[in-house]
Amino acid sequence: MKFDRTLVKIRERSFPDLLDLAVVVTRKRFNLIAPAAIVGIVPFLVLNAWVVSLDDLDGLLILLIPLEAPWATAPLTVVLARLMFGEKISFGRTAKRLFGSLPSLIFFQLILRAILLLMIVTSPLIPTRLGFMNEVLLLERQSVFKSFRRAGTLRDRRGGDLFGQFLAYVIASAVFIVCCYVGSGTILNSIFDSNLTWEEPDFADLTGLRVQIPLWIAIGFGAVVRFFSYIDQRIRLEGWEVELRLKLAGQAMEEARGW
């Protein structure tokens, strides 16, 4: 691990800075980030299309998408962690990390998340207590019980701020999805229909590709933002930049001693 050659400078950042950083990193490392996102998202996009094709099951998407999101973005989280420290990225290493974390992912991101969603009243615990769960499970690889405590610790002291950031991102994503839906509809009407009229959307439109594709783009980009928010939170709570500098100094002393 190259502590002196991180993908981005290790320092505290505001939420607008994190959004800007996510855009810059996505643009500069698009050749690595996009495939990782596609590998995770496409299977769930196909699954959702199949669910929609079944009669009277369209409403399941409201429950499925919150359950699918952490699984779909798991490969992207692993790739971002390797990019952060300039490590080699390969399909085998990424798959090995995902497979090693599979039991914890099933417990937290499937069973526990489903219970919290179904109870409705407890659903706000997902962005609060489980907000950084993917990062904790995939990158820190602690035991099941320690992982839950660790994810909660990362949310301590700034829980309100982080929940506000989550709501702000949800609103921004909704605006993005609406703009994509309206824009794509206008383009399609201009090509196939001479009458440019406003279409009143119905529930069927929400399950179509004109909504699903921008929705998953927003979820994928949100995973990038969350990863850098996780890094920022570790810096704020643990002085992570100091820890990395000390590790780098220790590494240099070991190398000097070897001579």
Foldseek 3Di string as FASTA:
>chain_A
DALPDFPDDQDADDLVVLLVVLVVCCVVPVVQLVVQLCVLVVVVLVVLVVQLPDPPRNVCCVLVCQLSLLRSQLSNLLSNVCNRRVHDDDPVVSVVLCVLLVVLCCVVSPVVQSVCVVVVVNNVCCCQQVVCLSCCSRPVPDDNVVSSVVSNVLNPPCSVVSSVSVVVLVVVLVVQLVCQLQVVVQVVCVVPNPDRDDDDDDSSSCSDPSRVVSNSVSSSSVSSSSSVVSSNSCCVPPVVSVVSVVVVVVVVVVVVVVD
